[in-house]
C-alpha cells in the first residue's frame, strides 16, 4: 500500500485479503465469514457465514473457494464470535465453494478426520487429478523441502 492507510477497522481476525472483480474481499476468521470491503467507508459487507474458522481464499469465476478450520478450544478462541455461535462438534474443516453473486454455498469438501486446519487455498486451473502427498508416497523420495530459514538468504526484487 503506497499510502500505508488503514482501510478497515474492527474486523474479527481478518485473513486472506484478495482483489477479485474490482473488489477487496476478506475473510473474518473469528466470525467464520467472507465479505467485501466498502473502501470509502471501511465497512465489511458479509456475503456468507460458514461453519468454521475461515482461512484461505481463492476465486474461479464467480465462485469463492474458502478454507475452513475447526477452531480449537483455547483461551484464544473462547471469546471469538464463531466459538460462541457454533458448538465445537459442529465446526467444520474443509473447503467451501460460495457463489459470490448471492452468498450461497454451492459445494463443499469436508474433512472428517486427519485434517483440522486449513491455512491457504489455491485454485489449480487445468489440473484434473491433483494429489495430496503423504510421507509414504514414492514422489516424496524425489522431492525436497526448502527450510523457512533459507528464505532469509533470498533478496527481495
C-alpha atoms as a PDB file:
ATOM      1  CA  UNK A   1       0.000   0.000   0.000  1.00  0.00           C
ATOM      2  CA  UNK A   2       1.562   3.238  -1.089  1.00  0.00           C
ATOM      3  CA  UNK A   3      -0.222   5.388   1.499  1.00  0.00           C
ATOM      4  CA  UNK A   4       0.029   2.930   4.426  1.00  0.00           C
ATOM      5  CA  UNK A   5      -3.557   3.997   5.238  1.00  0.00           C
ATOM      6  CA  UNK A   6      -5.843   1.754   7.294  1.00  0.00           C
ATOM      7  CA  UNK A   7      -8.850   0.902   5.125  1.00  0.00           C
ATOM      8  CA  UNK A   8     -10.987  -1.023   7.626  1.00  0.00           C
ATOM      9  CA  UNK A   9     -11.096  -1.485  11.402  1.00  0.00           C
ATOM     10  CA  UNK A  10     -12.803  -3.727  13.897  1.00  0.00           C
ATOM     11  CA  UNK A  11     -12.519  -6.949  11.920  1.00  0.00           C
ATOM     12  CA  UNK A  12     -12.601 -10.278  13.747  1.00  0.00           C
ATOM     13  CA  UNK A  13      -9.274 -11.927  12.921  1.00  0.00           C
ATOM     14  CA  UNK A  14      -9.028 -10.844   9.240  1.00  0.00           C
ATOM     15  CA  UNK A  15      -7.390 -13.282   6.839  1.00  0.00           C
ATOM     16  CA  UNK A  16      -6.620 -13.754   3.137  1.00  0.00           C
ATOM     17  CA  UNK A  17      -7.415 -10.341   1.613  1.00  0.00           C
ATOM     18  CA  UNK A  18      -7.812 -10.704  -2.161  1.00  0.00           C
ATOM     19  CA  UNK A  19      -8.741  -8.477  -5.104  1.00  0.00           C
ATOM     20  CA  UNK A  20     -11.373 -10.090  -7.315  1.00  0.00           C
ATOM     21  CA  UNK A  21     -13.515  -8.436  -9.982  1.00  0.00           C
ATOM     22  CA  UNK A  22     -12.533  -4.964  -8.760  1.00  0.00           C
ATOM     23  CA  UNK A  23     -13.474  -5.619  -5.126  1.00  0.00           C
ATOM     24  CA  UNK A  24     -11.418  -6.242  -1.986  1.00  0.00           C
ATOM     25  CA  UNK A  25     -12.550  -9.497  -0.416  1.00  0.00           C
ATOM     26  CA  UNK A  26     -11.601 -10.549   3.100  1.00  0.00           C
ATOM     27  CA  UNK A  27     -12.265 -13.419   5.462  1.00  0.00           C
ATOM     28  CA  UNK A  28     -13.142 -12.698   9.065  1.00  0.00           C
ATOM     29  CA  UNK A  29     -11.874 -15.886  10.674  1.00  0.00           C
ATOM     30  CA  UNK A  30     -13.350 -15.028  14.065  1.00  0.00           C
ATOM     31  CA  UNK A  31     -16.837 -14.792  12.547  1.00  0.00           C
ATOM     32  CA  UNK A  32     -16.435 -17.592  10.006  1.00  0.00           C
ATOM     33  CA  UNK A  33     -17.345 -15.207   7.214  1.00  0.00           C
ATOM     34  CA  UNK A  34     -16.377 -13.946   3.788  1.00  0.00           C
ATOM     35  CA  UNK A  35     -17.107 -10.354   2.838  1.00  0.00           C
ATOM     36  CA  UNK A  36     -16.357  -7.374   0.634  1.00  0.00           C
ATOM     37  CA  UNK A  37     -14.726  -4.209   1.989  1.00  0.00           C
ATOM     38  CA  UNK A  38     -16.527  -0.955   1.199  1.00  0.00           C
ATOM     39  CA  UNK A  39     -13.369   1.055   0.531  1.00  0.00           C
ATOM     40  CA  UNK A  40     -14.765   4.563   1.058  1.00  0.00           C
ATOM     41  CA  UNK A  41     -16.487   3.658   4.332  1.00  0.00           C
ATOM     42  CA  UNK A  42     -14.220   0.874   5.581  1.00  0.00           C
ATOM     43  CA  UNK A  43     -17.125  -1.410   6.465  1.00  0.00           C
ATOM     44  CA  UNK A  44     -17.210  -5.072   5.508  1.00  0.00           C
ATOM     45  CA  UNK A  45     -20.379  -6.375   3.868  1.00  0.00           C
ATOM     46  CA  UNK A  46     -20.719 -10.030   4.845  1.00  0.00           C
ATOM     47  CA  UNK A  47     -21.529 -12.203   1.827  1.00  0.00           C
ATOM     48  CA  UNK A  48     -21.698 -15.561   3.635  1.00  0.00           C
ATOM     49  CA  UNK A  49     -21.145 -17.064   7.068  1.00  0.00           C
ATOM     50  CA  UNK A  50     -19.702 -20.567   7.131  1.00  0.00           C
ATOM     51  CA  UNK A  51     -19.417 -23.271   9.844  1.00  0.00           C
ATOM     52  CA  UNK A  52     -15.705 -22.894  10.567  1.00  0.00           C
ATOM     53  CA  UNK A  53     -12.728 -20.635  11.084  1.00  0.00           C
ATOM     54  CA  UNK A  54     -12.258 -19.096   7.590  1.00  0.00           C
ATOM     55  CA  UNK A  55      -8.652 -19.078   6.364  1.00  0.00           C
ATOM     56  CA  UNK A  56      -7.538 -19.358   2.777  1.00  0.00           C
ATOM     57  CA  UNK A  57      -9.332 -17.809  -0.182  1.00  0.00           C
ATOM     58  CA  UNK A  58      -9.151 -18.037  -3.948  1.00  0.00           C
ATOM     59  CA  UNK A  59     -11.580 -17.447  -6.805  1.00  0.00           C
ATOM     60  CA  UNK A  60     -12.597 -19.123 -10.028  1.00  0.00           C
ATOM     61  CA  UNK A  61     -15.139 -17.107 -11.986  1.00  0.00           C
ATOM     62  CA  UNK A  62     -17.991 -16.129  -9.683  1.00  0.00           C
ATOM     63  CA  UNK A  63     -17.031 -18.753  -7.096  1.00  0.00           C
ATOM     64  CA  UNK A  64     -15.020 -18.208  -3.922  1.00  0.00           C
ATOM     65  CA  UNK A  65     -13.151 -21.208  -2.550  1.00  0.00           C
ATOM     66  CA  UNK A  66     -12.837 -20.753   1.202  1.00  0.00           C
ATOM     67  CA  UNK A  67     -10.763 -22.862   3.578  1.00  0.00           C
ATOM     68  CA  UNK A  68     -12.382 -23.727   6.909  1.00  0.00           C
ATOM     69  CA  UNK A  69     -10.645 -24.904  10.048  1.00  0.00           C
ATOM     70  CA  UNK A  70     -12.041 -26.317  13.249  1.00  0.00           C
ATOM     71  CA  UNK A  71     -11.418 -23.750  15.964  1.00  0.00           C
ATOM     72  CA  UNK A  72      -9.604 -25.304  18.897  1.00  0.00           C
ATOM     73  CA  UNK A  73     -10.985 -24.708  22.376  1.00  0.00           C
ATOM     74  CA  UNK A  74      -8.371 -22.446  23.887  1.00  0.00           C
ATOM     75  CA  UNK A  75      -8.062 -19.092  25.597  1.00  0.00           C
ATOM     76  CA  UNK A  76      -7.515 -17.540  22.147  1.00  0.00           C
ATOM     77  CA  UNK A  77     -10.673 -18.929  20.577  1.00  0.00           C
ATOM     78  CA  UNK A  78     -13.029 -18.853  23.546  1.00  0.00           C
ATOM     79  CA  UNK A  79     -14.019 -15.201  23.076  1.00  0.00           C
ATOM     80  CA  UNK A  80     -14.445 -15.076  19.312  1.00  0.00           C
ATOM     81  CA  UNK A  81     -17.959 -14.889  17.817  1.00  0.00           C
ATOM     82  CA  UNK A  82     -17.622 -18.171  15.891  1.00  0.00           C
ATOM     83  CA  UNK A  83     -16.712 -20.131  19.028  1.00  0.00           C
ATOM     84  CA  UNK A  84     -19.697 -18.682  20.865  1.00  0.00           C
ATOM     85  CA  UNK A  85     -22.129 -19.290  17.976  1.00  0.00           C
ATOM     86  CA  UNK A  86     -21.207 -22.779  16.728  1.00  0.00           C
ATOM     87  CA  UNK A  87     -20.525 -25.673  19.138  1.00  0.00           C
ATOM     88  CA  UNK A  88     -17.150 -27.402  18.723  1.00  0.00           C
ATOM     89  CA  UNK A  89     -18.699 -30.623  17.369  1.00  0.00           C
ATOM     90  CA  UNK A  90     -20.492 -28.673  14.598  1.00  0.00           C
ATOM     91  CA  UNK A  91     -17.450 -26.748  13.368  1.00  0.00           C
ATOM     92  CA  UNK A  92     -16.132 -27.945  10.024  1.00  0.00           C
ATOM     93  CA  UNK A  93     -12.783 -28.313   8.321  1.00  0.00           C
ATOM     94  CA  UNK A  94     -12.531 -28.367   4.547  1.00  0.00           C
ATOM     95  CA  UNK A  95     -13.052 -26.176   1.509  1.00  0.00           C
ATOM     96  CA  UNK A  96     -16.395 -24.465   0.872  1.00  0.00           C
ATOM     97  CA  UNK A  97     -17.441 -23.045  -2.511  1.00  0.00           C
ATOM     98  CA  UNK A  98     -19.539 -19.881  -2.279  1.00  0.00           C
ATOM     99  CA  UNK A  99     -21.307 -18.192  -5.177  1.00  0.00           C
ATOM    100  CA  UNK A 100     -20.145 -14.567  -4.834  1.00  0.00           C
ATOM    101  CA  UNK A 101     -23.289 -13.321  -6.593  1.00  0.00           C
ATOM    102  CA  UNK A 102     -25.691 -14.478  -3.886  1.00  0.00           C
ATOM    103  CA  UNK A 103     -23.638 -15.839  -0.970  1.00  0.00           C
ATOM    104  CA  UNK A 104     -24.985 -19.372  -1.342  1.00  0.00           C
ATOM    105  CA  UNK A 105     -22.817 -22.417  -0.650  1.00  0.00           C
ATOM    106  CA  UNK A 106     -22.802 -24.445  -3.867  1.00  0.00           C
ATOM    107  CA  UNK A 107     -20.387 -27.199  -2.823  1.00  0.00           C
ATOM    108  CA  UNK A 108     -18.036 -28.247  -0.066  1.00  0.00           C
ATOM    109  CA  UNK A 109     -15.330 -30.770   0.703  1.00  0.00           C
ATOM    110  CA  UNK A 110     -15.428 -31.670   4.400  1.00  0.00           C
ATOM    111  CA  UNK A 111     -12.532 -33.448   6.087  1.00  0.00           C
ATOM    112  CA  UNK A 112     -13.986 -35.920   8.599  1.00  0.00           C
ATOM    113  CA  UNK A 113     -10.657 -36.877  10.154  1.00  0.00           C
ATOM    114  CA  UNK A 114      -6.940 -36.324   9.851  1.00  0.00           C
ATOM    115  CA  UNK A 115      -7.168 -32.631   8.903  1.00  0.00           C
ATOM    116  CA  UNK A 116      -8.281 -29.992  11.399  1.00  0.00           C
ATOM    117  CA  UNK A 117      -6.809 -26.807   9.957  1.00  0.00           C
ATOM    118  CA  UNK A 118      -6.564 -25.118   6.550  1.00  0.00           C
ATOM    119  CA  UNK A 119      -4.186 -22.193   6.110  1.00  0.00           C
ATOM    120  CA  UNK A 120      -4.382 -21.440   2.382  1.00  0.00           C
ATOM    121  CA  UNK A 121      -6.438 -22.323  -0.693  1.00  0.00           C
ATOM    122  CA  UNK A 122      -5.149 -22.156  -4.265  1.00  0.00           C
ATOM    123  CA  UNK A 123      -7.059 -22.948  -7.443  1.00  0.00           C
ATOM    124  CA  UNK A 124      -5.062 -25.030  -9.935  1.00  0.00           C
ATOM    125  CA  UNK A 125      -6.609 -24.219 -13.341  1.00  0.00           C
ATOM    126  CA  UNK A 126      -6.405 -27.090 -15.802  1.00  0.00           C
ATOM    127  CA  UNK A 127      -5.476 -29.712 -13.182  1.00  0.00           C
ATOM    128  CA  UNK A 128      -7.767 -32.716 -13.305  1.00  0.00           C
ATOM    129  CA  UNK A 129      -6.274 -35.082 -10.720  1.00  0.00           C
ATOM    130  CA  UNK A 130      -4.141 -33.199  -8.174  1.00  0.00           C
ATOM    131  CA  UNK A 131      -2.815 -35.240  -5.262  1.00  0.00           C
ATOM    132  CA  UNK A 132      -2.044 -34.746  -1.610  1.00  0.00           C
ATOM    133  CA  UNK A 133       1.259 -36.402  -0.849  1.00  0.00           C
ATOM    134  CA  UNK A 134       1.930 -38.373   2.307  1.00  0.00           C
ATOM    135  CA  UNK A 135       5.326 -39.367   3.670  1.00  0.00           C
ATOM    136  CA  UNK A 136       4.784 -42.866   2.243  1.00  0.00           C
ATOM    137  CA  UNK A 137       4.323 -41.595  -1.327  1.00  0.00           C
ATOM    138  CA  UNK A 138       7.141 -42.580  -3.733  1.00  0.00           C
ATOM    139  CA  UNK A 139       7.163 -38.990  -5.092  1.00  0.00           C
ATOM    140  CA  UNK A 140       8.302 -37.709  -1.691  1.00  0.00           C
ATOM    141  CA  UNK A 141      11.601 -39.589  -2.073  1.00  0.00           C
ATOM    142  CA  UNK A 142      12.301 -37.478  -5.175  1.00  0.00           C
ATOM    143  CA  UNK A 143      11.272 -34.173  -3.573  1.00  0.00           C
ATOM    144  CA  UNK A 144      12.927 -31.732  -1.234  1.00  0.00           C
ATOM    145  CA  UNK A 145      11.733 -29.153   1.240  1.00  0.00           C
ATOM    146  CA  UNK A 146      13.271 -25.708   1.385  1.00  0.00           C
ATOM    147  CA  UNK A 147      13.559 -24.714   5.072  1.00  0.00           C
ATOM    148  CA  UNK A 148      11.945 -21.395   6.038  1.00  0.00           C
ATOM    149  CA  UNK A 149      15.315 -20.164   7.337  1.00  0.00           C
ATOM    150  CA  UNK A 150      16.736 -20.409   3.802  1.00  0.00           C
ATOM    151  CA  UNK A 151      14.299 -17.741   2.645  1.00  0.00           C
ATOM    152  CA  UNK A 152      16.288 -15.219   4.689  1.00  0.00           C
ATOM    153  CA  UNK A 153      19.041 -15.545   2.084  1.00  0.00           C
ATOM    154  CA  UNK A 154      16.719 -14.592  -0.776  1.00  0.00           C
ATOM    155  CA  UNK A 155      16.927 -10.932  -1.755  1.00  0.00           C
ATOM    156  CA  UNK A 156      13.712  -9.063  -2.491  1.00  0.00           C
ATOM    157  CA  UNK A 157      13.350  -7.754  -6.044  1.00  0.00           C
END
